[in-house]
Amino acid sequence: MEAVVGLLVAFLAVSCGMDTCDGRQNGTQCYGALGGIVVIQLMDNVLETEQYTWTKNKTQILRVRNNTVVFNLIEDRAVFIPSDGTLRINNLSRSDGGEYVLEAYKDGKRFLIQSLQLSIQAPVSSVWLTSKCLSEGEMRVSCSSQGGDSPQYSWTLDGRALADNELLYGNNEAEIITLKQNVVGQLRCSVGNTVSNVTNSTTISSCGFTYMNCTSVNGTHTPQWVHQDNIILCTGTTPPPVTPNTVGKETNVTSTSGNNKNDDQGYIWIMAGVLSGIVIILVIGVILFCAQKKKQNNKPEEGRDDPEVTYADITITQRRGQQVQQRLEEAVEYGQVKFTRTPQQNQLTDDGSMYAMVRKGR
């Protein structure tokens, strides 16, 4: 019955995520998760052993005699099964770590002494990824974890190990890595230690960059990575899909001069059309402005008075005593005088002047 119980404990340790350790070899290193459970196999041939003790720093933790537990210092959270020699410790704390020594006795003599080292580690509780596109299309990815003593990192891309030639900076075990421009796919980061392992993943894209042939001012063509918002005078094709065998190798990009020449001519014609349209719009604007100005100048002024026509009776009389060589008959001459303002009476005072009476009439 005790054997069955021992097998059941071992099965639960594996299925429930408990840490197990085979301490039957001298100097064994065992690990347990902080707050977790560890199951330690202490010895074989338990039934042939009369007495054995388990101590830490010369403090007795466990004493068994004739397959019966006679002393257990941590019985509130530890269970020993004599039939198979396994010890289960629950709710591990930092103070549980250290070196333990097992001593076995038979016929009143010690025939066995061996030690093991138990280390308690905090497990990794969570992992998250942050990524950032750099200026040239590279992507920096950071893998961060919460909790965990002595965490270790590993990376995979689409289910395989991340190759060194896919990395611009860092390595497959670094916390922060920088991927090359044409590395895309499902990126996964795993963080773990001896008592835990947690993973998280993210999808890596190209950051909007395309590998193209760009034409410089002097007409030379340079293959480079160009962001989609800055594709000006650039022609080319996207590089082949990334594989572990091709990433990082130089790619020869060839373009014919005839295609580039046609592209330049097309650009020139487009610019010429735009400039012509601007000139035509300016000419039409000047013509409309001059026509409007001329129309305003020819418009008659409001409130201007119509010219008035005034009729006047003028009588000419010769001054007495003046000699005349010919006979003048008294006559009356009617004339038409035009005034632009209200007429006033005028008198001539010089010799030979006329006296006239002006009467305004319509």
Protein backbone atom coordinates (compact mmCIF):
# COMPACT_ATOMS: atom_id res chain seq x y z
CA MET A 1 0.00 0.00 0.00
CA GLU A 2 2.81 2.41 0.81
CA ALA A 3 4.42 1.66 -2.55
CA VAL A 4 1.21 2.63 -4.29
CA VAL A 5 1.12 5.86 -2.30
CA GLY A 6 4.70 6.60 -3.32
CA LEU A 7 3.95 6.10 -6.99
CA LEU A 8 0.88 8.32 -6.64
CA VAL A 9 2.98 11.11 -5.11
CA ALA A 10 5.49 10.90 -7.95
CA PHE A 11 2.69 11.00 -10.53
CA LEU A 12 1.12 14.06 -8.91
CA ALA A 13 4.49 15.78 -8.81
CA VAL A 14 4.84 15.49 -12.58
CA SER A 15 1.21 16.24 -13.53
CA CYS A 16 0.77 19.18 -11.14
CA GLY A 17 4.00 20.94 -12.05
CA MET A 18 5.91 19.98 -8.92
CA ASP A 19 9.68 19.92 -8.96
CA THR A 20 11.27 16.51 -8.53
CA CYS A 21 14.83 15.66 -7.59
CA ASP A 22 16.79 12.42 -7.33
CA GLY A 23 18.94 12.87 -4.24
CA ARG A 24 20.34 9.35 -4.15
CA GLN A 25 23.63 10.54 -5.62
CA ASN A 26 26.06 12.36 -3.40
CA GLY A 27 26.32 16.09 -4.20
CA THR A 28 23.05 16.30 -6.13
CA GLN A 29 21.74 19.78 -6.98
CA CYS A 30 17.99 20.17 -6.48
CA TYR A 31 15.71 23.12 -7.25
CA GLY A 32 12.34 24.19 -5.95
CA ALA A 33 9.98 27.04 -6.85
CA LEU A 34 9.33 29.67 -4.22
CA GLY A 35 5.91 28.89 -2.75
CA GLY A 36 5.81 25.62 -4.69
CA ILE A 37 6.39 21.91 -3.99
CA VAL A 38 9.46 19.73 -4.31
CA VAL A 39 9.61 15.91 -4.12
CA ILE A 40 13.03 14.45 -3.26
CA GLN A 41 14.04 10.80 -3.59
CA LEU A 42 16.33 10.37 -0.59
CA MET A 43 17.43 6.69 -0.71
CA ASP A 44 16.87 3.10 -1.85
CA ASN A 45 16.55 -0.08 0.21
CA VAL A 46 14.67 1.72 2.92
CA LEU A 47 13.38 -1.53 4.40
CA GLU A 48 16.92 -2.76 5.04
CA THR A 49 17.85 0.37 6.98
CA GLU A 50 17.29 0.42 10.69
CA GLN A 51 17.62 4.15 11.15
CA TYR A 52 18.45 7.26 9.13
CA THR A 53 18.48 10.97 9.76
CA TRP A 54 18.27 14.03 7.51
CA THR A 55 19.94 17.20 8.79
CA LYS A 56 20.63 20.77 7.68
CA ASN A 57 23.45 22.76 9.24
CA LYS A 58 23.64 20.08 11.99
CA THR A 59 19.96 20.62 12.78
CA GLN A 60 17.96 17.42 12.56
CA ILE A 61 15.01 17.77 10.18
CA LEU A 62 13.86 14.14 9.90
CA ARG A 63 14.54 10.88 11.81
CA VAL A 64 13.18 7.49 10.79
CA ARG A 65 13.58 4.23 12.74
CA ASN A 66 12.39 0.84 11.53
CA ASN A 67 10.38 2.49 8.72
CA THR A 68 8.56 4.76 11.16
CA VAL A 69 8.91 8.51 11.31
CA VAL A 70 9.84 9.36 14.86
CA PHE A 71 10.69 13.02 14.32
CA ASN A 72 9.74 15.59 11.67
CA LEU A 73 10.72 19.21 12.31
CA ILE A 74 8.57 20.52 9.44
CA GLU A 75 5.68 18.07 9.70
CA ASP A 76 3.14 20.88 9.07
CA ARG A 77 4.27 21.04 5.42
CA ALA A 78 6.45 17.99 4.81
CA VAL A 79 5.50 14.32 4.31
CA PHE A 80 7.93 11.38 4.25
CA ILE A 81 6.97 8.01 2.73
CA PRO A 82 9.25 5.31 4.16
CA SER A 83 8.25 2.65 1.61
CA ASP A 84 10.00 4.41 -1.27
CA GLY A 85 12.17 6.91 0.60
CA THR A 86 10.57 10.08 -0.90
CA LEU A 87 10.12 13.36 0.93
CA ARG A 88 7.61 15.97 -0.20
CA ILE A 89 7.95 19.58 1.00
CA ASN A 90 5.10 22.04 0.38
CA ASN A 91 5.05 25.85 0.35
CA LEU A 92 8.77 26.26 -0.12
CA SER A 93 10.42 29.36 1.32
CA ARG A 94 13.84 30.94 0.86
CA SER A 95 14.95 29.48 4.19
CA ASP A 96 14.45 25.95 2.83
CA GLY A 97 17.45 26.38 0.58
CA GLY A 98 20.82 25.00 1.65
CA GLU A 99 22.83 21.80 2.06
CA TYR A 100 21.20 18.69 3.52
CA VAL A 101 23.03 15.55 4.76
CA LEU A 102 21.54 12.05 4.92
CA GLU A 103 23.03 9.44 7.30
CA ALA A 104 21.91 5.79 7.34
CA TYR A 105 22.61 3.18 10.07
CA LYS A 106 22.50 -0.62 10.15
CA ASP A 107 23.45 -2.88 13.03
CA GLY A 108 24.32 0.23 14.98
CA LYS A 109 26.86 1.38 12.45
CA ARG A 110 26.67 4.20 9.93
CA PHE A 111 27.05 2.78 6.48
CA LEU A 112 25.86 5.72 4.33
CA ILE A 113 26.39 9.47 4.24
CA GLN A 114 25.53 11.73 1.33
CA SER A 115 24.59 15.34 0.75
CA LEU A 116 22.43 17.36 -1.61
CA GLN A 117 22.06 21.07 -2.31
CA LEU A 118 18.54 22.53 -2.48
CA SER A 119 18.11 25.93 -4.19
CA ILE A 120 14.87 27.89 -4.05
CA GLN A 121 14.08 30.17 -7.02
CA ALA A 122 11.23 32.55 -7.72
CA PRO A 123 9.38 31.47 -10.88
CA VAL A 124 8.79 33.69 -13.88
CA SER A 125 5.21 34.91 -13.71
CA SER A 126 4.68 36.81 -16.98
CA VAL A 127 6.43 37.87 -20.18
CA TRP A 128 5.66 40.73 -22.58
CA LEU A 129 7.23 41.96 -25.82
CA THR A 130 7.76 45.52 -27.04
CA SER A 131 8.97 46.36 -30.55
CA LYS A 132 10.10 49.58 -32.25
CA CYS A 133 10.92 50.35 -35.87
CA LEU A 134 14.24 52.13 -36.36
CA SER A 135 15.14 54.78 -38.96
CA GLU A 136 16.51 52.35 -41.54
CA GLY A 137 13.74 49.76 -41.22
CA GLU A 138 15.36 47.58 -38.58
CA MET A 139 13.21 46.44 -35.66
CA ARG A 140 14.29 46.43 -32.04
CA VAL A 141 12.43 43.92 -29.88
CA SER A 142 12.62 43.74 -26.10
CA CYS A 143 11.53 40.74 -24.04
CA SER A 144 10.67 41.64 -20.44
CA SER A 145 9.61 39.37 -17.60
CA GLN A 146 8.11 39.77 -14.17
CA GLY A 147 9.48 37.78 -11.27
CA GLY A 148 11.91 34.97 -11.75
CA ASP A 149 15.40 34.44 -10.38
CA SER A 150 18.21 34.18 -12.94
CA PRO A 151 15.92 34.34 -16.02
CA GLN A 152 17.20 32.96 -19.29
CA TYR A 153 15.98 34.05 -22.73
CA SER A 154 15.52 32.30 -26.03
CA TRP A 155 13.97 33.36 -29.35
CA THR A 156 12.21 31.52 -32.16
CA LEU A 157 10.86 32.72 -35.52
CA ASP A 158 7.95 30.80 -37.04
CA GLY A 159 8.68 27.86 -34.77
CA ARG A 160 12.41 27.57 -35.43
CA ALA A 161 15.42 28.97 -33.63
CA LEU A 162 16.25 32.55 -34.60
CA ALA A 163 19.39 32.45 -36.77
CA ASP A 164 22.38 34.68 -36.14
CA ASN A 165 22.30 36.08 -39.69
CA GLU A 166 18.77 37.36 -39.06
CA LEU A 167 20.06 39.53 -36.23
CA LEU A 168 21.64 42.93 -36.63
CA TYR A 169 22.48 43.19 -32.92
CA GLY A 170 22.20 40.77 -30.05
CA ASN A 171 22.01 36.99 -30.04
CA ASN A 172 19.48 34.23 -29.49
CA GLU A 173 19.88 34.44 -25.70
CA ALA A 174 19.74 38.23 -25.30
CA GLU A 175 16.95 40.16 -23.64
CA ILE A 176 16.96 42.83 -26.39
CA ILE A 177 17.60 42.06 -30.05
CA THR A 178 17.60 44.06 -33.31
CA LEU A 179 16.25 42.32 -36.41
CA LYS A 180 17.31 43.08 -39.96
CA GLN A 181 14.92 44.91 -42.29
CA ASN A 182 13.61 41.90 -44.20
CA VAL A 183 12.95 39.61 -41.21
CA VAL A 184 9.21 39.00 -40.84
CA GLY A 185 7.08 36.34 -39.20
CA GLN A 186 5.86 35.11 -35.81
CA LEU A 187 8.50 35.96 -33.23
CA ARG A 188 8.37 34.18 -29.87
CA CYS A 189 10.34 34.87 -26.70
CA SER A 190 10.70 32.32 -23.93
CA VAL A 191 11.85 33.27 -20.44
CA GLY A 192 12.57 30.63 -17.83
CA ASN A 193 14.76 29.28 -15.11
CA THR A 194 15.12 25.87 -13.50
CA VAL A 195 11.64 26.01 -11.95
CA SER A 196 9.53 27.82 -14.60
CA ASN A 197 9.19 28.76 -18.24
CA VAL A 198 6.85 31.40 -19.77
CA THR A 199 6.53 32.45 -23.43
CA ASN A 200 4.95 35.26 -25.43
CA SER A 201 4.87 36.07 -29.14
CA THR A 202 4.27 38.91 -31.60
CA THR A 203 4.03 39.35 -35.36
CA ILE A 204 6.98 41.13 -36.99
CA SER A 205 6.36 43.19 -40.14
CA SER A 206 8.67 45.18 -42.42
CA CYS A 207 8.03 48.58 -40.77
CA GLY A 208 6.79 49.97 -44.11
CA PHE A 209 10.21 49.81 -45.79
CA THR A 210 10.91 48.44 -49.27
CA TYR A 211 14.24 47.55 -50.84
CA MET A 212 14.47 49.66 -54.03
CA ASN A 213 16.80 51.26 -56.57
CA CYS A 214 16.88 55.00 -55.86
CA THR A 215 18.03 57.63 -58.34
CA SER A 216 20.17 60.38 -56.86
CA VAL A 217 20.53 63.97 -58.15
CA ASN A 218 23.51 63.08 -60.33
CA GLY A 219 21.63 60.18 -61.90
CA THR A 220 23.32 57.30 -60.11
CA HIS A 221 21.25 54.36 -58.92
CA THR A 222 21.71 53.07 -55.39
CA PRO A 223 19.84 50.08 -53.91
CA GLN A 224 18.60 50.89 -50.43
CA TRP A 225 15.73 50.48 -47.98
CA VAL A 226 13.13 53.23 -48.47
CA HIS A 227 10.06 53.98 -46.38
CA GLN A 228 6.77 54.02 -48.26
CA ASP A 229 6.28 57.73 -47.45
CA ASN A 230 9.63 58.66 -49.03
CA ILE A 231 9.51 56.75 -52.31
CA ILE A 232 10.55 59.50 -54.76
CA LEU A 233 12.45 58.74 -57.98
CA CYS A 234 12.89 55.18 -56.77
CA THR A 235 12.22 52.02 -58.77
CA GLY A 236 12.88 48.43 -57.87
CA THR A 237 11.45 45.23 -56.56
CA THR A 238 10.98 43.71 -53.14
CA PRO A 239 13.81 41.35 -52.14
CA PRO A 240 13.16 37.60 -52.08
CA PRO A 241 11.51 36.03 -49.00
CA VAL A 242 13.75 35.65 -46.00
CA THR A 243 15.09 32.19 -45.17
CA PRO A 244 17.77 31.26 -42.64
CA ASN A 245 20.17 30.47 -45.50
CA THR A 246 19.77 33.76 -47.36
CA VAL A 247 19.31 36.35 -44.64
CA GLY A 248 22.24 38.72 -44.36
CA LYS A 249 23.69 37.85 -47.79
CA GLU A 250 24.18 40.61 -50.30
CA THR A 251 21.50 40.82 -52.95
CA ASN A 252 22.47 42.02 -56.40
CA VAL A 253 19.82 44.36 -57.74
CA THR A 254 20.05 45.22 -61.45
CA SER A 255 18.01 47.74 -63.41
CA THR A 256 18.24 48.73 -67.10
CA SER A 257 19.19 52.27 -68.01
CA GLY A 258 16.35 52.44 -70.52
CA ASN A 259 13.73 52.02 -67.82
CA ASN A 260 15.35 54.67 -65.63
CA LYS A 261 15.58 57.06 -68.58
CA ASN A 262 11.89 56.63 -69.35
CA ASP A 263 11.05 57.28 -65.73
CA ASP A 264 13.10 60.52 -65.77
CA GLN A 265 11.42 61.72 -68.98
CA GLY A 266 7.99 60.97 -67.57
CA TYR A 267 8.80 62.97 -64.47
CA ILE A 268 9.97 65.95 -66.59
CA TRP A 269 6.75 65.92 -68.65
CA ILE A 270 4.65 65.86 -65.50
CA MET A 271 6.49 68.87 -64.07
CA ALA A 272 6.17 70.76 -67.39
CA GLY A 273 2.41 70.15 -67.42
CA VAL A 274 2.05 71.41 -63.87
CA LEU A 275 4.04 74.60 -64.61
CA SER A 276 2.01 75.27 -67.81
CA GLY A 277 -1.23 75.01 -65.90
CA ILE A 278 0.02 77.50 -63.30
CA VAL A 279 1.02 80.02 -66.02
CA ILE A 280 -2.39 79.75 -67.76
CA ILE A 281 -4.21 80.36 -64.48
CA LEU A 282 -2.09 83.48 -63.79
CA VAL A 283 -2.76 84.92 -67.32
CA ILE A 284 -6.53 84.42 -66.99
CA GLY A 285 -6.43 86.10 -63.60
CA VAL A 286 -4.63 89.19 -64.99
CA ILE A 287 -7.11 89.50 -67.88
CA LEU A 288 -10.11 89.34 -65.57
CA PHE A 289 -8.56 91.93 -63.25
CA CYS A 290 -7.91 94.44 -66.10
CA ALA A 291 -11.44 94.01 -67.51
CA GLN A 292 -12.99 94.67 -64.11
CA LYS A 293 -10.83 97.79 -63.62
CA LYS A 294 -11.78 99.22 -67.02
CA LYS A 295 -15.46 98.64 -66.36
CA GLN A 296 -15.24 100.59 -63.11
CA ASN A 297 -13.50 103.56 -64.83
CA ASN A 298 -16.23 103.86 -67.55
CA LYS A 299 -19.08 103.84 -65.07
CA PRO A 300 -20.76 107.33 -64.92
CA GLU A 301 -20.55 109.20 -61.66
CA GLU A 302 -23.73 109.37 -59.67
CA GLY A 303 -25.17 112.76 -58.70
CA ARG A 304 -23.53 114.73 -61.56
CA ASP A 305 -25.92 117.65 -62.64
CA ASP A 306 -26.94 117.87 -66.29
CA PRO A 307 -25.68 120.98 -67.98
CA GLU A 308 -28.12 123.89 -67.88
CA VAL A 309 -29.02 126.09 -70.87
CA THR A 310 -29.70 129.75 -70.06
CA TYR A 311 -31.19 132.26 -72.42
CA ALA A 312 -30.35 135.93 -71.91
CA ASP A 313 -31.59 139.21 -73.48
CA ILE A 314 -28.66 141.42 -74.27
CA THR A 315 -29.15 145.10 -75.24
CA ILE A 316 -26.22 146.99 -76.65
CA THR A 317 -26.34 150.87 -76.24
CA GLN A 318 -23.73 153.23 -77.49
CA ARG A 319 -22.31 155.65 -74.92
CA ARG A 320 -23.24 159.27 -75.62
CA GLY A 321 -20.63 161.52 -77.14
CA GLN A 322 -18.78 158.64 -78.85
CA GLN A 323 -18.02 159.24 -82.47
CA VAL A 324 -19.07 156.67 -84.90
CA GLN A 325 -18.16 156.63 -88.57
CA GLN A 326 -21.21 154.80 -89.64
CA ARG A 327 -24.72 154.85 -88.63
CA LEU A 328 -25.76 152.22 -86.29
CA GLU A 329 -29.24 151.33 -85.95
CA GLU A 330 -30.52 150.52 -82.63
CA ALA A 331 -30.92 146.87 -82.54
CA VAL A 332 -31.45 144.10 -80.16
CA GLU A 333 -29.36 140.97 -80.41
CA TYR A 334 -30.35 137.71 -78.90
CA GLY A 335 -27.75 135.25 -78.01
CA GLN A 336 -27.43 131.99 -76.21
CA VAL A 337 -25.07 131.75 -73.24
CA LYS A 338 -24.19 128.42 -71.52
CA PHE A 339 -23.42 128.33 -67.79
CA THR A 340 -22.31 125.41 -65.65
CA ARG A 341 -23.15 127.15 -62.37
CA THR A 342 -25.75 129.73 -61.29
CA PRO A 343 -25.10 132.86 -63.42
CA GLN A 344 -24.36 136.21 -61.82
CA GLN A 345 -24.76 139.73 -63.20
CA ASN A 346 -21.57 141.18 -64.72
CA GLN A 347 -20.64 144.77 -65.58
CA LEU A 348 -17.93 146.00 -67.91
CA THR A 349 -16.16 149.13 -66.68
CA ASP A 350 -13.57 149.70 -69.36
CA ASP A 351 -14.08 152.21 -72.17
CA GLY A 352 -16.16 150.68 -74.90
CA SER A 353 -17.60 148.15 -72.49
CA MET A 354 -21.16 147.05 -72.60
CA TYR A 355 -23.81 147.16 -69.97
CA ALA A 356 -25.96 144.15 -70.09
CA MET A 357 -28.90 142.86 -68.23
CA VAL A 358 -28.98 139.08 -67.97
CA ARG A 359 -32.17 137.29 -67.35
CA LYS A 360 -32.12 133.61 -66.54
CA GLY A 361 -34.57 131.53 -68.41
CA ARG A 362 -35.23 127.96 -69.46
